[in-house]
Amino acid sequence: MSRNTDANKKIHNKKIANKKRKIQEAELKRKNRLKEMRENRKEKLDENQENED
């Protein structure tokens, strides 16, 4: 058994926390990008309807 288990746990938990944070940031970026795409599509549809009228 290694002597510095507490230090190892701390380092390990820090790595896991960083991975979780990166995943959350990536999901947030993805959601924002999808939202923006949806809004752009909606705007284009609205413009097309106005042009047809």
PDB file of N, CA and C in Angstrom:
ATOM      1  N   MET A   1       0.855  -1.192   0.000  1.00  0.00           N
ATOM      2  CA  MET A   1       0.000   0.000   0.000  1.00  0.00           C
ATOM      3  C   MET A   1       0.893   1.245   0.000  1.00  0.00           C
ATOM      4  N   SER A   2       0.573   2.167  -0.861  1.00  0.00           N
ATOM      5  CA  SER A   2       1.401   3.366  -0.936  1.00  0.00           C
ATOM      6  C   SER A   2       1.119   4.289   0.244  1.00  0.00           C
ATOM      7  N   ARG A   3       2.107   5.065   0.576  1.00  0.00           N
ATOM      8  CA  ARG A   3       1.998   5.943   1.744  1.00  0.00           C
ATOM      9  C   ARG A   3       1.150   7.177   1.458  1.00  0.00           C
ATOM     10  N   ASN A   4       1.194   7.630   0.254  1.00  0.00           N
ATOM     11  CA  ASN A   4       0.517   8.896  -0.056  1.00  0.00           C
ATOM     12  C   ASN A   4      -0.836   8.670  -0.731  1.00  0.00           C
ATOM     13  N   THR A   5      -1.652   7.814  -0.139  1.00  0.00           N
ATOM     14  CA  THR A   5      -2.965   7.534  -0.733  1.00  0.00           C
ATOM     15  C   THR A   5      -3.839   8.788  -0.761  1.00  0.00           C
ATOM     16  N   ASP A   6      -3.741   9.611   0.271  1.00  0.00           N
ATOM     17  CA  ASP A   6      -4.542  10.841   0.294  1.00  0.00           C
ATOM     18  C   ASP A   6      -4.156  11.756  -0.864  1.00  0.00           C
ATOM     19  N   ALA A   7      -2.857  11.863  -1.094  1.00  0.00           N
ATOM     20  CA  ALA A   7      -2.387  12.704  -2.199  1.00  0.00           C
ATOM     21  C   ALA A   7      -2.851  12.125  -3.531  1.00  0.00           C
ATOM     22  N   ASN A   8      -2.767  10.802  -3.655  1.00  0.00           N
ATOM     23  CA  ASN A   8      -3.209  10.154  -4.899  1.00  0.00           C
ATOM     24  C   ASN A   8      -4.701  10.365  -5.118  1.00  0.00           C
ATOM     25  N   LYS A   9      -5.488  10.229  -4.045  1.00  0.00           N
ATOM     26  CA  LYS A   9      -6.935  10.443  -4.149  1.00  0.00           C
ATOM     27  C   LYS A   9      -7.231  11.872  -4.591  1.00  0.00           C
ATOM     28  N   LYS A  10      -6.502  12.806  -4.005  1.00  0.00           N
ATOM     29  CA  LYS A  10      -6.718  14.213  -4.322  1.00  0.00           C
ATOM     30  C   LYS A  10      -6.428  14.481  -5.805  1.00  0.00           C
ATOM     31  N   ILE A  11      -5.302  13.939  -6.283  1.00  0.00           N
ATOM     32  CA  ILE A  11      -4.931  14.122  -7.689  1.00  0.00           C
ATOM     33  C   ILE A  11      -5.964  13.463  -8.595  1.00  0.00           C
ATOM     34  N   HIS A  12      -6.354  12.248  -8.232  1.00  0.00           N
ATOM     35  CA  HIS A  12      -7.325  11.496  -9.032  1.00  0.00           C
ATOM     36  C   HIS A  12      -8.661  12.241  -9.100  1.00  0.00           C
ATOM     37  N   ASN A  13      -9.134  12.716  -7.956  1.00  0.00           N
ATOM     38  CA  ASN A  13     -10.405  13.445  -7.915  1.00  0.00           C
ATOM     39  C   ASN A  13     -10.333  14.731  -8.734  1.00  0.00           C
ATOM     40  N   LYS A  14      -9.159  15.368  -8.709  1.00  0.00           N
ATOM     41  CA  LYS A  14      -8.973  16.595  -9.478  1.00  0.00           C
ATOM     42  C   LYS A  14      -9.075  16.299 -10.979  1.00  0.00           C
ATOM     43  N   LYS A  15      -8.454  15.183 -11.406  1.00  0.00           N
ATOM     44  CA  LYS A  15      -8.521  14.793 -12.818  1.00  0.00           C
ATOM     45  C   LYS A  15      -9.966  14.522 -13.230  1.00  0.00           C
ATOM     46  N   ILE A  16     -10.691  13.803 -12.377  1.00  0.00           N
ATOM     47  CA  ILE A  16     -12.089  13.483 -12.674  1.00  0.00           C
ATOM     48  C   ILE A  16     -12.918  14.761 -12.748  1.00  0.00           C
ATOM     49  N   ALA A  17     -12.692  15.673 -11.811  1.00  0.00           N
ATOM     50  CA  ALA A  17     -13.431  16.938 -11.795  1.00  0.00           C
ATOM     51  C   ALA A  17     -13.160  17.731 -13.075  1.00  0.00           C
ATOM     52  N   ASN A  18     -11.905  17.725 -13.527  1.00  0.00           N
ATOM     53  CA  ASN A  18     -11.567  18.437 -14.762  1.00  0.00           C
ATOM     54  C   ASN A  18     -12.268  17.819 -15.963  1.00  0.00           C
ATOM     55  N   LYS A  19     -12.310  16.484 -16.002  1.00  0.00           N
ATOM     56  CA  LYS A  19     -12.992  15.807 -17.110  1.00  0.00           C
ATOM     57  C   LYS A  19     -14.475  16.151 -17.107  1.00  0.00           C
ATOM     58  N   LYS A  20     -15.097  16.119 -15.926  1.00  0.00           N
ATOM     59  CA  LYS A  20     -16.521  16.444 -15.822  1.00  0.00           C
ATOM     60  C   LYS A  20     -16.780  17.879 -16.270  1.00  0.00           C
ATOM     61  N   ARG A  21     -15.904  18.780 -15.856  1.00  0.00           N
ATOM     62  CA  ARG A  21     -16.059  20.188 -16.216  1.00  0.00           C
ATOM     63  C   ARG A  21     -15.956  20.365 -17.734  1.00  0.00           C
ATOM     64  N   LYS A  22     -14.978  19.690 -18.343  1.00  0.00           N
ATOM     65  CA  LYS A  22     -14.820  19.793 -19.794  1.00  0.00           C
ATOM     66  C   LYS A  22     -16.046  19.256 -20.518  1.00  0.00           C
ATOM     67  N   ILE A  23     -16.583  18.142 -20.026  1.00  0.00           N
ATOM     68  CA  ILE A  23     -17.772  17.550 -20.636  1.00  0.00           C
ATOM     69  C   ILE A  23     -18.947  18.513 -20.533  1.00  0.00           C
ATOM     70  N   GLN A  24     -19.131  19.109 -19.350  1.00  0.00           N
ATOM     71  CA  GLN A  24     -20.237  20.051 -19.161  1.00  0.00           C
ATOM     72  C   GLN A  24     -20.094  21.260 -20.080  1.00  0.00           C
ATOM     73  N   GLU A  25     -18.860  21.764 -20.210  1.00  0.00           N
ATOM     74  CA  GLU A  25     -18.636  22.912 -21.088  1.00  0.00           C
ATOM     75  C   GLU A  25     -18.943  22.553 -22.537  1.00  0.00           C
ATOM     76  N   ALA A  26     -18.532  21.349 -22.945  1.00  0.00           N
ATOM     77  CA  ALA A  26     -18.783  20.910 -24.318  1.00  0.00           C
ATOM     78  C   ALA A  26     -20.283  20.778 -24.572  1.00  0.00           C
ATOM     79  N   GLU A  27     -21.014  20.233 -23.602  1.00  0.00           N
ATOM     80  CA  GLU A  27     -22.465  20.094 -23.752  1.00  0.00           C
ATOM     81  C   GLU A  27     -23.133  21.461 -23.848  1.00  0.00           C
ATOM     82  N   LEU A  28     -22.670  22.396 -23.033  1.00  0.00           N
ATOM     83  CA  LEU A  28     -23.232  23.743 -23.057  1.00  0.00           C
ATOM     84  C   LEU A  28     -22.993  24.406 -24.418  1.00  0.00           C
ATOM     85  N   LYS A  29     -21.769  24.264 -24.944  1.00  0.00           N
ATOM     86  CA  LYS A  29     -21.468  24.826 -26.259  1.00  0.00           C
ATOM     87  C   LYS A  29     -22.370  24.200 -27.315  1.00  0.00           C
ATOM     88  N   ARG A  30     -22.546  22.887 -27.236  1.00  0.00           N
ATOM     89  CA  ARG A  30     -23.363  22.170 -28.211  1.00  0.00           C
ATOM     90  C   ARG A  30     -24.809  22.655 -28.156  1.00  0.00           C
ATOM     91  N   LYS A  31     -25.336  22.782 -26.935  1.00  0.00           N
ATOM     92  CA  LYS A  31     -26.715  23.248 -26.779  1.00  0.00           C
ATOM     93  C   LYS A  31     -26.880  24.657 -27.334  1.00  0.00           C
ATOM     94  N   ASN A  32     -25.920  25.519 -27.041  1.00  0.00           N
ATOM     95  CA  ASN A  32     -26.001  26.897 -27.534  1.00  0.00           C
ATOM     96  C   ASN A  32     -25.939  26.941 -29.054  1.00  0.00           C
ATOM     97  N   ARG A  33     -25.075  26.099 -29.635  1.00  0.00           N
ATOM     98  CA  ARG A  33     -24.953  26.065 -31.085  1.00  0.00           C
ATOM     99  C   ARG A  33     -26.255  25.577 -31.724  1.00  0.00           C
ATOM    100  N   LEU A  34     -26.844  24.530 -31.143  1.00  0.00           N
ATOM    101  CA  LEU A  34     -28.108  24.013 -31.667  1.00  0.00           C
ATOM    102  C   LEU A  34     -29.218  25.053 -31.547  1.00  0.00           C
ATOM    103  N   LYS A  35     -29.238  25.749 -30.414  1.00  0.00           N
ATOM    104  CA  LYS A  35     -30.245  26.789 -30.198  1.00  0.00           C
ATOM    105  C   LYS A  35     -30.103  27.889 -31.250  1.00  0.00           C
ATOM    106  N   GLU A  36     -28.855  28.279 -31.509  1.00  0.00           N
ATOM    107  CA  GLU A  36     -28.588  29.316 -32.497  1.00  0.00           C
ATOM    108  C   GLU A  36     -29.026  28.858 -33.889  1.00  0.00           C
ATOM    109  N   MET A  37     -28.739  27.597 -34.216  1.00  0.00           N
ATOM    110  CA  MET A  37     -29.142  27.061 -35.516  1.00  0.00           C
ATOM    111  C   MET A  37     -30.662  27.072 -35.647  1.00  0.00           C
ATOM    112  N   ARG A  38     -31.358  26.682 -34.580  1.00  0.00           N
ATOM    113  CA  ARG A  38     -32.822  26.676 -34.583  1.00  0.00           C
ATOM    114  C   ARG A  38     -33.368  28.082 -34.819  1.00  0.00           C
ATOM    115  N   GLU A  39     -32.785  29.054 -34.109  1.00  0.00           N
ATOM    116  CA  GLU A  39     -33.237  30.437 -34.254  1.00  0.00           C
ATOM    117  C   GLU A  39     -32.999  30.942 -35.673  1.00  0.00           C
ATOM    118  N   ASN A  40     -31.835  30.604 -36.228  1.00  0.00           N
ATOM    119  CA  ASN A  40     -31.529  31.035 -37.599  1.00  0.00           C
ATOM    120  C   ASN A  40     -32.513  30.436 -38.590  1.00  0.00           C
ATOM    121  N   ARG A  41     -32.832  29.164 -38.400  1.00  0.00           N
ATOM    122  CA  ARG A  41     -33.776  28.497 -39.297  1.00  0.00           C
ATOM    123  C   ARG A  41     -35.153  29.148 -39.190  1.00  0.00           C
ATOM    124  N   LYS A  42     -35.540  29.457 -37.954  1.00  0.00           N
ATOM    125  CA  LYS A  42     -36.843  30.087 -37.726  1.00  0.00           C
ATOM    126  C   LYS A  42     -36.895  31.460 -38.398  1.00  0.00           C
ATOM    127  N   GLU A  43     -35.810  32.227 -38.280  1.00  0.00           N
ATOM    128  CA  GLU A  43     -35.756  33.546 -38.911  1.00  0.00           C
ATOM    129  C   GLU A  43     -35.869  33.427 -40.428  1.00  0.00           C
ATOM    130  N   LYS A  44     -35.166  32.445 -40.996  1.00  0.00           N
ATOM    131  CA  LYS A  44     -35.230  32.262 -42.448  1.00  0.00           C
ATOM    132  C   LYS A  44     -36.641  31.898 -42.885  1.00  0.00           C
ATOM    133  N   LEU A  45     -37.306  31.036 -42.124  1.00  0.00           N
ATOM    134  CA  LEU A  45     -38.676  30.660 -42.461  1.00  0.00           C
ATOM    135  C   LEU A  45     -39.596  31.873 -42.395  1.00  0.00           C
ATOM    136  N   ASP A  46     -39.415  32.688 -41.364  1.00  0.00           N
ATOM    137  CA  ASP A  46     -40.231  33.898 -41.230  1.00  0.00           C
ATOM    138  C   ASP A  46     -40.002  34.840 -42.413  1.00  0.00           C
ATOM    139  N   GLU A  47     -38.737  35.002 -42.816  1.00  0.00           N
ATOM    140  CA  GLU A  47     -38.419  35.871 -43.950  1.00  0.00           C
ATOM    141  C   GLU A  47     -39.049  35.333 -45.230  1.00  0.00           C
ATOM    142  N   ASN A  48     -38.976  34.028 -45.416  1.00  0.00           N
ATOM    143  CA  ASN A  48     -39.552  33.427 -46.619  1.00  0.00           C
ATOM    144  C   ASN A  48     -41.061  33.629 -46.662  1.00  0.00           C
ATOM    145  N   GLN A  49     -41.718  33.505 -45.534  1.00  0.00           N
ATOM    146  CA  GLN A  49     -43.168  33.698 -45.485  1.00  0.00           C
ATOM    147  C   GLN A  49     -43.526  35.146 -45.793  1.00  0.00           C
ATOM    148  N   GLU A  50     -42.736  36.081 -45.276  1.00  0.00           N
ATOM    149  CA  GLU A  50     -42.992  37.493 -45.545  1.00  0.00           C
ATOM    150  C   GLU A  50     -42.805  37.797 -47.029  1.00  0.00           C
ATOM    151  N   ASN A  51     -41.793  37.192 -47.631  1.00  0.00           N
ATOM    152  CA  ASN A  51     -41.533  37.426 -49.052  1.00  0.00           C
ATOM    153  C   ASN A  51     -42.641  36.856 -49.923  1.00  0.00           C
ATOM    154  N   GLU A  52     -43.228  35.759 -49.514  1.00  0.00           N
ATOM    155  CA  GLU A  52     -44.298  35.135 -50.287  1.00  0.00           C
ATOM    156  C   GLU A  52     -45.590  35.942 -50.212  1.00  0.00           C
ATOM    157  N   ASP A  53     -45.825  36.594 -49.094  1.00  0.00           N
ATOM    158  CA  ASP A  53     -47.082  37.345 -48.905  1.00  0.00           C
ATOM    159  C   ASP A  53     -47.147  38.605 -49.714  1.00  0.00           C
TER     160      ASP A  53
END
